[in-house]
Amino acid sequence: MMRRRLALCAAVVAVSLPLSLGAQRATKRIYLEARDAFGAPVLNLTAADLTVTEDGHPREITRVALGRAPMRIALLVDSSTATQPMMTMFKNALNVFIETLPPEHEIAFITSGGQIRVRTQPTTDRSQVKNAIGMLQPEGGANAFLDTMLETDQRFLKTAPTQWPIFVILTTDITNANREPDTNRYNKFMNDFLARGGSAHAVVMAGKGFGPVTDMTTNLVENTGGMYNALVVDSGLPDRLRNIAKRLAADHDAMENRYELEFSGDTKLTQAIVNVSSARPDVALQMSARRPF
């Protein structure tokens, strides 16, 4: 099974590597909750209040902000030949998702039938997305899932670094294709997406067996702590998409009073121990490598 070969990312692992004078820097991100002596959230921390070390070495804090920015959601939907008998239910479920999701979050609607097709650019205009859903039809060909996911990330998620990157995936995996996907490309994307604090949720319409699409979606969802559903009957799709929309709303609420902290880290230290302390004695910190927490 391919999922056993896909790299899993450990959040915190002790690593001791020497720093050179010419060490290259990269922006790294962690998440913080700050509470005072009475347990109330502290919402006015700045970079001057905090100190970050990476494997014991001090690091420059480049950004501290509460996690209140809207999410940017890549709604990635299969429109290959396999979707023909379930397209009506796909549309119903996608509309339920749109109607349930809070209005402030951006959606980029992308399909993967044959090749990537951008149905809408990132937008909060729900009528625009619903119009695009109404025009959705099977486009024929195979499900270009991996290529579409990688290009979507490059074009629409990485370009909005201050927003929470989200994949919501509705796809099929019912073909008999045995071609192995490019696991190196997938693994590189997955680890980078995880480092950026991304989240993924998926509903997969499966056949008797499963293939690369199931393996990749399962691995991505498990690594990011998302919701995964495998269905064989499409009548359950609206409820599954509704639950994902509710989960996204709850996740955003959970991060509203927590901080995103970015610092300039050493690129060689991919699994370093990061510590954060506060100069304010009345502030207790809780740290996580993943959001929400």
C-alpha atoms as a PDB file:
ATOM      1  CA  MET A   1       0.000   0.000   0.000  1.00  0.00           C
ATOM      2  CA  MET A   2       1.447   3.325  -1.048  1.00  0.00           C
ATOM      3  CA  ARG A   3       0.396   5.124   2.108  1.00  0.00           C
ATOM      4  CA  ARG A   4       2.995   3.096   3.993  1.00  0.00           C
ATOM      5  CA  ARG A   5       5.671   4.516   1.700  1.00  0.00           C
ATOM      6  CA  LEU A   6       4.574   8.130   1.975  1.00  0.00           C
ATOM      7  CA  ALA A   7       6.623  10.185   4.398  1.00  0.00           C
ATOM      8  CA  LEU A   8       4.941  11.023   7.676  1.00  0.00           C
ATOM      9  CA  CYS A   9       6.034  14.227   9.363  1.00  0.00           C
ATOM     10  CA  ALA A  10       6.880  14.272  13.077  1.00  0.00           C
ATOM     11  CA  ALA A  11       5.979  17.525  14.774  1.00  0.00           C
ATOM     12  CA  VAL A  12       8.908  17.707  17.217  1.00  0.00           C
ATOM     13  CA  VAL A  13      11.993  15.532  17.062  1.00  0.00           C
ATOM     14  CA  ALA A  14      15.283  16.263  18.801  1.00  0.00           C
ATOM     15  CA  VAL A  15      18.008  16.961  16.251  1.00  0.00           C
ATOM     16  CA  SER A  16      21.503  18.282  16.947  1.00  0.00           C
ATOM     17  CA  LEU A  17      23.185  19.775  13.888  1.00  0.00           C
ATOM     18  CA  PRO A  18      26.015  22.339  13.909  1.00  0.00           C
ATOM     19  CA  LEU A  19      25.198  25.790  12.586  1.00  0.00           C
ATOM     20  CA  SER A  20      27.585  27.270  10.062  1.00  0.00           C
ATOM     21  CA  LEU A  21      28.161  30.974   9.556  1.00  0.00           C
ATOM     22  CA  GLY A  22      26.659  30.636   6.111  1.00  0.00           C
ATOM     23  CA  ALA A  23      23.562  28.747   7.208  1.00  0.00           C
ATOM     24  CA  GLN A  24      20.587  29.467   4.990  1.00  0.00           C
ATOM     25  CA  ARG A  25      17.424  30.806   6.549  1.00  0.00           C
ATOM     26  CA  ALA A  26      13.794  29.932   5.900  1.00  0.00           C
ATOM     27  CA  THR A  27      10.551  31.176   7.384  1.00  0.00           C
ATOM     28  CA  LYS A  28       9.160  28.651   9.850  1.00  0.00           C
ATOM     29  CA  ARG A  29       5.852  28.772  11.677  1.00  0.00           C
ATOM     30  CA  ILE A  30       4.430  27.614  15.000  1.00  0.00           C
ATOM     31  CA  TYR A  31       1.212  28.341  16.882  1.00  0.00           C
ATOM     32  CA  LEU A  32       0.762  29.664  20.403  1.00  0.00           C
ATOM     33  CA  GLU A  33      -1.899  30.054  23.028  1.00  0.00           C
ATOM     34  CA  ALA A  34      -1.211  32.638  25.737  1.00  0.00           C
ATOM     35  CA  ARG A  35      -3.134  32.838  29.021  1.00  0.00           C
ATOM     36  CA  ASP A  36      -2.764  34.987  32.108  1.00  0.00           C
ATOM     37  CA  ALA A  37      -2.676  33.875  35.754  1.00  0.00           C
ATOM     38  CA  PHE A  38      -6.490  33.675  35.804  1.00  0.00           C
ATOM     39  CA  GLY A  39      -6.681  31.524  32.672  1.00  0.00           C
ATOM     40  CA  ALA A  40      -7.964  34.297  30.418  1.00  0.00           C
ATOM     41  CA  PRO A  41      -6.513  34.572  26.894  1.00  0.00           C
ATOM     42  CA  VAL A  42      -3.812  37.204  26.397  1.00  0.00           C
ATOM     43  CA  LEU A  43      -4.451  38.915  23.075  1.00  0.00           C
ATOM     44  CA  ASN A  44      -1.888  41.728  22.929  1.00  0.00           C
ATOM     45  CA  LEU A  45       1.444  39.956  22.594  1.00  0.00           C
ATOM     46  CA  THR A  46       4.024  41.351  20.174  1.00  0.00           C
ATOM     47  CA  ALA A  47       7.381  40.063  18.950  1.00  0.00           C
ATOM     48  CA  ALA A  48       9.066  42.115  21.670  1.00  0.00           C
ATOM     49  CA  ASP A  49       7.272  40.007  24.312  1.00  0.00           C
ATOM     50  CA  LEU A  50       8.562  36.684  22.972  1.00  0.00           C
ATOM     51  CA  THR A  51      11.819  34.804  22.501  1.00  0.00           C
ATOM     52  CA  VAL A  52      12.285  31.869  20.126  1.00  0.00           C
ATOM     53  CA  THR A  53      15.085  29.308  20.089  1.00  0.00           C
ATOM     54  CA  GLU A  54      15.666  26.515  17.571  1.00  0.00           C
ATOM     55  CA  ASP A  55      17.773  23.705  18.975  1.00  0.00           C
ATOM     56  CA  GLY A  56      18.952  26.198  21.580  1.00  0.00           C
ATOM     57  CA  HIS A  57      19.911  28.905  19.089  1.00  0.00           C
ATOM     58  CA  PRO A  58      18.068  32.268  19.244  1.00  0.00           C
ATOM     59  CA  ARG A  59      15.972  33.070  16.210  1.00  0.00           C
ATOM     60  CA  GLU A  60      14.546  36.310  14.834  1.00  0.00           C
ATOM     61  CA  ILE A  61      10.754  36.548  15.065  1.00  0.00           C
ATOM     62  CA  THR A  62       9.428  37.923  11.785  1.00  0.00           C
ATOM     63  CA  ARG A  63       5.669  37.892  12.403  1.00  0.00           C
ATOM     64  CA  VAL A  64       3.225  37.459  15.282  1.00  0.00           C
ATOM     65  CA  ALA A  65      -0.512  37.682  14.648  1.00  0.00           C
ATOM     66  CA  LEU A  66      -3.741  36.276  16.015  1.00  0.00           C
ATOM     67  CA  GLY A  67      -5.190  33.572  13.790  1.00  0.00           C
ATOM     68  CA  ARG A  68      -8.179  35.608  12.658  1.00  0.00           C
ATOM     69  CA  ALA A  69      -7.440  35.943   8.953  1.00  0.00           C
ATOM     70  CA  PRO A  70     -10.035  34.207   6.753  1.00  0.00           C
ATOM     71  CA  MET A  71      -9.230  30.772   5.425  1.00  0.00           C
ATOM     72  CA  ARG A  72      -8.395  30.284   1.777  1.00  0.00           C
ATOM     73  CA  ILE A  73     -10.056  27.038   0.689  1.00  0.00           C
ATOM     74  CA  ALA A  74      -9.153  25.144  -2.455  1.00  0.00           C
ATOM     75  CA  LEU A  75     -12.299  23.181  -3.293  1.00  0.00           C
ATOM     76  CA  LEU A  76     -10.818  20.408  -5.449  1.00  0.00           C
ATOM     77  CA  VAL A  77     -13.461  18.350  -7.256  1.00  0.00           C
ATOM     78  CA  ASP A  78     -13.133  15.397  -9.601  1.00  0.00           C
ATOM     79  CA  SER A  79     -14.868  15.932 -12.962  1.00  0.00           C
ATOM     80  CA  SER A  80     -13.493  12.885 -14.768  1.00  0.00           C
ATOM     81  CA  THR A  81     -15.547  10.295 -16.642  1.00  0.00           C
ATOM     82  CA  ALA A  82     -16.128   8.346 -13.428  1.00  0.00           C
ATOM     83  CA  THR A  83     -18.287  11.155 -11.983  1.00  0.00           C
ATOM     84  CA  GLN A  84     -21.004  10.842 -14.661  1.00  0.00           C
ATOM     85  CA  PRO A  85     -23.533   8.765 -12.629  1.00  0.00           C
ATOM     86  CA  MET A  86     -23.067  10.830  -9.464  1.00  0.00           C
ATOM     87  CA  MET A  87     -22.790  14.355 -10.841  1.00  0.00           C
ATOM     88  CA  THR A  88     -26.226  15.461  -9.613  1.00  0.00           C
ATOM     89  CA  MET A  89     -25.328  14.455  -6.058  1.00  0.00           C
ATOM     90  CA  PHE A  90     -21.904  16.103  -6.422  1.00  0.00           C
ATOM     91  CA  LYS A  91     -23.643  19.386  -7.210  1.00  0.00           C
ATOM     92  CA  ASN A  92     -26.104  19.006  -4.338  1.00  0.00           C
ATOM     93  CA  ALA A  93     -23.312  18.289  -1.868  1.00  0.00           C
ATOM     94  CA  LEU A  94     -21.146  21.167  -3.101  1.00  0.00           C
ATOM     95  CA  ASN A  95     -24.051  23.592  -2.697  1.00  0.00           C
ATOM     96  CA  VAL A  96     -24.633  22.332   0.847  1.00  0.00           C
ATOM     97  CA  PHE A  97     -20.947  22.956   1.587  1.00  0.00           C
ATOM     98  CA  ILE A  98     -21.125  26.502   0.205  1.00  0.00           C
ATOM     99  CA  GLU A  99     -24.287  27.300   2.147  1.00  0.00           C
ATOM    100  CA  THR A 100     -22.885  25.956   5.448  1.00  0.00           C
ATOM    101  CA  LEU A 101     -19.435  27.563   5.304  1.00  0.00           C
ATOM    102  CA  PRO A 102     -19.173  30.975   7.048  1.00  0.00           C
ATOM    103  CA  PRO A 103     -19.171  33.771   4.442  1.00  0.00           C
ATOM    104  CA  GLU A 104     -15.807  35.356   5.250  1.00  0.00           C
ATOM    105  CA  HIS A 105     -13.716  32.455   3.950  1.00  0.00           C
ATOM    106  CA  GLU A 106     -12.397  32.481   0.376  1.00  0.00           C
ATOM    107  CA  ILE A 107     -13.041  29.601  -2.007  1.00  0.00           C
ATOM    108  CA  ALA A 108     -11.155  28.691  -5.174  1.00  0.00           C
ATOM    109  CA  PHE A 109     -13.189  26.099  -7.087  1.00  0.00           C
ATOM    110  CA  ILE A 110     -10.977  23.750  -9.128  1.00  0.00           C
ATOM    111  CA  THR A 111     -11.746  20.558 -11.068  1.00  0.00           C
ATOM    112  CA  SER A 112      -9.434  17.731 -12.106  1.00  0.00           C
ATOM    113  CA  GLY A 113     -11.119  15.948 -15.029  1.00  0.00           C
ATOM    114  CA  GLY A 114      -8.395  15.342 -17.591  1.00  0.00           C
ATOM    115  CA  GLN A 115      -6.424  18.374 -16.411  1.00  0.00           C
ATOM    116  CA  ILE A 116      -6.767  21.286 -14.030  1.00  0.00           C
ATOM    117  CA  ARG A 117      -9.627  23.675 -14.703  1.00  0.00           C
ATOM    118  CA  VAL A 118     -10.081  26.799 -12.594  1.00  0.00           C
ATOM    119  CA  ARG A 119     -13.831  27.301 -12.162  1.00  0.00           C
ATOM    120  CA  THR A 120     -13.458  30.331  -9.883  1.00  0.00           C
ATOM    121  CA  GLN A 121     -10.523  32.319  -8.612  1.00  0.00           C
ATOM    122  CA  PRO A 122     -10.386  32.691  -4.792  1.00  0.00           C
ATOM    123  CA  THR A 123     -13.529  34.608  -3.830  1.00  0.00           C
ATOM    124  CA  THR A 124     -15.996  35.218  -1.029  1.00  0.00           C
ATOM    125  CA  ASP A 125     -18.784  35.702  -3.593  1.00  0.00           C
ATOM    126  CA  ARG A 126     -20.922  32.647  -2.917  1.00  0.00           C
ATOM    127  CA  SER A 127     -23.201  33.311  -5.889  1.00  0.00           C
ATOM    128  CA  GLN A 128     -20.190  33.128  -8.212  1.00  0.00           C
ATOM    129  CA  VAL A 129     -19.162  29.753  -6.793  1.00  0.00           C
ATOM    130  CA  LYS A 130     -22.728  28.419  -6.894  1.00  0.00           C
ATOM    131  CA  ASN A 131     -23.058  29.475 -10.540  1.00  0.00           C
ATOM    132  CA  ALA A 132     -19.869  27.564 -11.320  1.00  0.00           C
ATOM    133  CA  ILE A 133     -21.216  24.524  -9.483  1.00  0.00           C
ATOM    134  CA  GLY A 134     -24.414  24.750 -11.533  1.00  0.00           C
ATOM    135  CA  MET A 135     -22.384  24.514 -14.760  1.00  0.00           C
ATOM    136  CA  LEU A 136     -20.323  21.554 -13.551  1.00  0.00           C
ATOM    137  CA  GLN A 137     -20.417  18.546 -15.869  1.00  0.00           C
ATOM    138  CA  PRO A 138     -18.175  15.492 -16.320  1.00  0.00           C
ATOM    139  CA  GLU A 139     -15.352  16.464 -18.664  1.00  0.00           C
ATOM    140  CA  GLY A 140     -14.171  12.988 -19.553  1.00  0.00           C
ATOM    141  CA  GLY A 141     -10.743  11.513 -19.269  1.00  0.00           C
ATOM    142  CA  ALA A 142      -8.886  10.409 -16.189  1.00  0.00           C
ATOM    143  CA  ASN A 143      -8.734  12.120 -12.815  1.00  0.00           C
ATOM    144  CA  ALA A 144      -5.606  14.333 -12.930  1.00  0.00           C
ATOM    145  CA  PHE A 145      -5.631  14.482  -9.153  1.00  0.00           C
ATOM    146  CA  LEU A 146      -1.987  14.923  -8.163  1.00  0.00           C
ATOM    147  CA  ASP A 147      -1.080  17.413 -10.898  1.00  0.00           C
ATOM    148  CA  THR A 148      -4.198  19.445 -10.134  1.00  0.00           C
ATOM    149  CA  MET A 149      -3.542  19.483  -6.393  1.00  0.00           C
ATOM    150  CA  LEU A 150       0.077  20.573  -6.796  1.00  0.00           C
ATOM    151  CA  GLU A 151      -0.721  23.324  -9.297  1.00  0.00           C
ATOM    152  CA  THR A 152      -3.623  24.541  -7.161  1.00  0.00           C
ATOM    153  CA  ASP A 153      -1.346  24.825  -4.162  1.00  0.00           C
ATOM    154  CA  GLN A 154       1.264  26.778  -6.112  1.00  0.00           C
ATOM    155  CA  ARG A 155      -1.203  29.177  -7.718  1.00  0.00           C
ATOM    156  CA  PHE A 156      -3.758  29.783  -5.008  1.00  0.00           C
ATOM    157  CA  LEU A 157      -2.560  28.704  -1.550  1.00  0.00           C
ATOM    158  CA  LYS A 158       1.148  29.519  -1.422  1.00  0.00           C
ATOM    159  CA  THR A 159       0.382  32.966  -2.839  1.00  0.00           C
ATOM    160  CA  ALA A 160      -1.628  33.884   0.297  1.00  0.00           C
ATOM    161  CA  PRO A 161       0.894  33.202   3.102  1.00  0.00           C
ATOM    162  CA  THR A 162      -1.039  35.023   5.830  1.00  0.00           C
ATOM    163  CA  GLN A 163      -4.209  32.955   5.254  1.00  0.00           C
ATOM    164  CA  TRP A 164      -4.862  29.436   6.484  1.00  0.00           C
ATOM    165  CA  PRO A 165      -4.441  27.111   3.452  1.00  0.00           C
ATOM    166  CA  ILE A 166      -7.140  24.459   3.180  1.00  0.00           C
ATOM    167  CA  PHE A 167      -7.876  21.665   0.719  1.00  0.00           C
ATOM    168  CA  VAL A 168     -11.427  20.311   0.604  1.00  0.00           C
ATOM    169  CA  ILE A 169     -11.369  17.363  -1.776  1.00  0.00           C
ATOM    170  CA  LEU A 170     -14.319  15.595  -3.417  1.00  0.00           C
ATOM    171  CA  THR A 171     -13.021  12.875  -5.690  1.00  0.00           C
ATOM    172  CA  THR A 172     -13.459   9.380  -7.057  1.00  0.00           C
ATOM    173  CA  ASP A 173     -11.062   6.445  -6.929  1.00  0.00           C
ATOM    174  CA  ILE A 174     -12.949   3.745  -8.754  1.00  0.00           C
ATOM    175  CA  THR A 175     -10.744   3.031 -11.768  1.00  0.00           C
ATOM    176  CA  ASN A 176      -8.400   0.103 -12.240  1.00  0.00           C
ATOM    177  CA  ALA A 177      -5.383   2.271 -13.003  1.00  0.00           C
ATOM    178  CA  ASN A 178      -2.243   0.780 -11.536  1.00  0.00           C
ATOM    179  CA  ARG A 179       0.256   3.456 -12.578  1.00  0.00           C
ATOM    180  CA  GLU A 180       2.284   4.588  -9.586  1.00  0.00           C
ATOM    181  CA  PRO A 181       2.097   8.324  -8.902  1.00  0.00           C
ATOM    182  CA  ASP A 182       5.161  10.512  -8.440  1.00  0.00           C
ATOM    183  CA  THR A 183       5.612   9.951  -4.706  1.00  0.00           C
ATOM    184  CA  ASN A 184       8.642  12.245  -4.552  1.00  0.00           C
ATOM    185  CA  ARG A 185       6.588  15.194  -5.817  1.00  0.00           C
ATOM    186  CA  TYR A 186       3.741  14.321  -3.487  1.00  0.00           C
ATOM    187  CA  ASN A 187       5.995  13.985  -0.440  1.00  0.00           C
ATOM    188  CA  LYS A 188       7.722  17.296  -1.141  1.00  0.00           C
ATOM    189  CA  PHE A 189       4.350  19.017  -1.419  1.00  0.00           C
ATOM    190  CA  MET A 190       2.916  17.321   1.672  1.00  0.00           C
ATOM    191  CA  ASN A 191       5.815  18.257   3.943  1.00  0.00           C
ATOM    192  CA  ASP A 192       5.809  21.838   2.677  1.00  0.00           C
ATOM    193  CA  PHE A 193       2.022  22.090   3.072  1.00  0.00           C
ATOM    194  CA  LEU A 194       2.290  20.747   6.600  1.00  0.00           C
ATOM    195  CA  ALA A 195       5.058  23.226   7.451  1.00  0.00           C
ATOM    196  CA  ARG A 196       2.781  26.057   6.271  1.00  0.00           C
ATOM    197  CA  GLY A 197       0.075  24.951   8.688  1.00  0.00           C
ATOM    198  CA  GLY A 198      -2.213  23.630   5.969  1.00  0.00           C
ATOM    199  CA  SER A 199      -5.254  21.434   6.575  1.00  0.00           C
ATOM    200  CA  ALA A 200      -7.011  18.963   4.301  1.00  0.00           C
ATOM    201  CA  HIS A 201     -10.390  17.236   4.367  1.00  0.00           C
ATOM    202  CA  ALA A 202     -11.595  14.694   1.821  1.00  0.00           C
ATOM    203  CA  VAL A 203     -14.544  12.649   0.644  1.00  0.00           C
ATOM    204  CA  VAL A 204     -13.614   9.820  -1.724  1.00  0.00           C
ATOM    205  CA  MET A 205     -16.122   7.849  -3.776  1.00  0.00           C
ATOM    206  CA  ALA A 206     -14.456   4.442  -3.814  1.00  0.00           C
ATOM    207  CA  GLY A 207     -14.938   1.233  -5.755  1.00  0.00           C
ATOM    208  CA  LYS A 208     -14.219  -2.323  -4.716  1.00  0.00           C
ATOM    209  CA  GLY A 209     -10.549  -1.556  -4.218  1.00  0.00           C
ATOM    210  CA  PHE A 210      -8.517   1.578  -3.838  1.00  0.00           C
ATOM    211  CA  GLY A 211      -5.662   3.206  -5.675  1.00  0.00           C
ATOM    212  CA  PRO A 212      -3.275   6.153  -5.604  1.00  0.00           C
ATOM    213  CA  VAL A 213      -5.941   8.814  -5.083  1.00  0.00           C
ATOM    214  CA  THR A 214      -7.167   7.083  -1.925  1.00  0.00           C
ATOM    215  CA  ASP A 215      -3.617   6.655  -0.670  1.00  0.00           C
ATOM    216  CA  MET A 216      -2.671  10.301  -1.239  1.00  0.00           C
ATOM    217  CA  THR A 217      -5.854  11.758   0.214  1.00  0.00           C
ATOM    218  CA  THR A 218      -5.691   9.482   3.248  1.00  0.00           C
ATOM    219  CA  ASN A 219      -2.060  10.369   3.878  1.00  0.00           C
ATOM    220  CA  LEU A 220      -2.610  14.104   3.457  1.00  0.00           C
ATOM    221  CA  VAL A 221      -5.687  14.167   5.697  1.00  0.00           C
ATOM    222  CA  GLU A 222      -4.031  12.077   8.407  1.00  0.00           C
ATOM    223  CA  ASN A 223      -0.924  14.271   8.416  1.00  0.00           C
ATOM    224  CA  THR A 224      -2.940  17.468   8.764  1.00  0.00           C
ATOM    225  CA  GLY A 225      -5.514  16.164  11.240  1.00  0.00           C
ATOM    226  CA  GLY A 226      -8.484  16.580   8.910  1.00  0.00           C
ATOM    227  CA  MET A 227     -11.692  14.667   8.207  1.00  0.00           C
ATOM    228  CA  TYR A 228     -11.649  11.710   5.820  1.00  0.00           C
ATOM    229  CA  ASN A 229     -14.673   9.900   4.421  1.00  0.00           C
ATOM    230  CA  ALA A 230     -14.769   6.990   1.956  1.00  0.00           C
ATOM    231  CA  LEU A 231     -18.193   6.294   0.440  1.00  0.00           C
ATOM    232  CA  VAL A 232     -19.589   3.779  -2.018  1.00  0.00           C
ATOM    233  CA  VAL A 233     -23.085   5.331  -2.214  1.00  0.00           C
ATOM    234  CA  ASP A 234     -23.353   8.995  -3.213  1.00  0.00           C
ATOM    235  CA  SER A 235     -26.478   9.711  -1.122  1.00  0.00           C
ATOM    236  CA  GLY A 236     -24.230  10.407   1.859  1.00  0.00           C
ATOM    237  CA  LEU A 237     -22.313  13.201   0.139  1.00  0.00           C
ATOM    238  CA  PRO A 238     -24.362  16.226   1.321  1.00  0.00           C
ATOM    239  CA  ASP A 239     -24.012  15.292   4.989  1.00  0.00           C
ATOM    240  CA  ARG A 240     -20.274  14.689   4.621  1.00  0.00           C
ATOM    241  CA  LEU A 241     -19.662  18.040   2.947  1.00  0.00           C
ATOM    242  CA  ARG A 242     -21.875  19.802   5.500  1.00  0.00           C
ATOM    243  CA  ASN A 243     -19.828  18.277   8.326  1.00  0.00           C
ATOM    244  CA  ILE A 244     -16.588  19.430   6.731  1.00  0.00           C
ATOM    245  CA  ALA A 245     -17.932  22.994   6.457  1.00  0.00           C
ATOM    246  CA  LYS A 246     -18.938  22.896  10.130  1.00  0.00           C
ATOM    247  CA  ARG A 247     -15.501  21.572  11.063  1.00  0.00           C
ATOM    248  CA  LEU A 248     -13.811  24.419   9.182  1.00  0.00           C
ATOM    249  CA  ALA A 249     -15.923  26.965  11.052  1.00  0.00           C
ATOM    250  CA  ALA A 250     -15.070  25.346  14.389  1.00  0.00           C
ATOM    251  CA  ASP A 251     -11.359  25.183  13.540  1.00  0.00           C
ATOM    252  CA  HIS A 252     -11.278  28.870  12.668  1.00  0.00           C
ATOM    253  CA  ASP A 253     -13.062  29.728  15.911  1.00  0.00           C
ATOM    254  CA  ALA A 254     -10.498  27.656  17.825  1.00  0.00           C
ATOM    255  CA  MET A 255      -7.620  29.687  16.374  1.00  0.00           C
ATOM    256  CA  GLU A 256      -9.251  33.099  16.768  1.00  0.00           C
ATOM    257  CA  ASN A 257      -7.547  33.795  20.109  1.00  0.00           C
ATOM    258  CA  ARG A 258      -4.312  31.935  19.326  1.00  0.00           C
ATOM    259  CA  TYR A 259      -1.194  33.234  17.638  1.00  0.00           C
ATOM    260  CA  GLU A 260       0.617  32.426  14.428  1.00  0.00           C
ATOM    261  CA  LEU A 261       4.318  33.017  15.011  1.00  0.00           C
ATOM    262  CA  GLU A 262       6.869  33.037  12.195  1.00  0.00           C
ATOM    263  CA  PHE A 263      10.612  33.051  12.686  1.00  0.00           C
ATOM    264  CA  SER A 264      13.741  32.843  10.591  1.00  0.00           C
ATOM    265  CA  GLY A 265      15.015  29.285  11.021  1.00  0.00           C
ATOM    266  CA  ASP A 266      17.889  27.227   9.679  1.00  0.00           C
ATOM    267  CA  THR A 267      16.928  25.226   6.590  1.00  0.00           C
ATOM    268  CA  LYS A 268      19.160  22.341   7.727  1.00  0.00           C
ATOM    269  CA  LEU A 269      17.118  21.859  10.895  1.00  0.00           C
ATOM    270  CA  THR A 270      13.995  20.256   9.488  1.00  0.00           C
ATOM    271  CA  GLN A 271      12.948  18.548  12.737  1.00  0.00           C
ATOM    272  CA  ALA A 272      14.456  20.797  15.361  1.00  0.00           C
ATOM    273  CA  ILE A 273      13.203  21.473  18.885  1.00  0.00           C
ATOM    274  CA  VAL A 274      11.640  24.927  19.026  1.00  0.00           C
ATOM    275  CA  ASN A 275      11.022  26.709  22.312  1.00  0.00           C
ATOM    276  CA  VAL A 276       9.109  29.932  22.890  1.00  0.00           C
ATOM    277  CA  SER A 277       9.181  31.969  26.083  1.00  0.00           C
ATOM    278  CA  SER A 278       7.520  35.182  27.168  1.00  0.00           C
ATOM    279  CA  ALA A 279       9.198  38.148  28.840  1.00  0.00           C
ATOM    280  CA  ARG A 280       5.929  38.780  30.672  1.00  0.00           C
ATOM    281  CA  PRO A 281       5.919  36.747  33.916  1.00  0.00           C
ATOM    282  CA  ASP A 282       2.125  36.596  34.081  1.00  0.00           C
ATOM    283  CA  VAL A 283       1.803  34.850  30.699  1.00  0.00           C
ATOM    284  CA  ALA A 284       1.737  31.059  30.283  1.00  0.00           C
ATOM    285  CA  LEU A 285       2.295  29.713  26.765  1.00  0.00           C
ATOM    286  CA  GLN A 286       1.146  26.559  25.051  1.00  0.00           C
ATOM    287  CA  MET A 287       2.761  25.719  21.704  1.00  0.00           C
ATOM    288  CA  SER A 288       1.754  23.536  18.770  1.00  0.00           C
ATOM    289  CA  ALA A 289       3.275  22.682  15.402  1.00  0.00           C
ATOM    290  CA  ARG A 290      -0.194  22.295  13.887  1.00  0.00           C
ATOM    291  CA  ARG A 291      -3.446  24.190  13.896  1.00  0.00           C
ATOM    292  CA  PRO A 292      -5.995  23.993  15.337  1.00  0.00           C
ATOM    293  CA  PHE A 293      -4.966  22.776  18.797  1.00  0.00           C
END
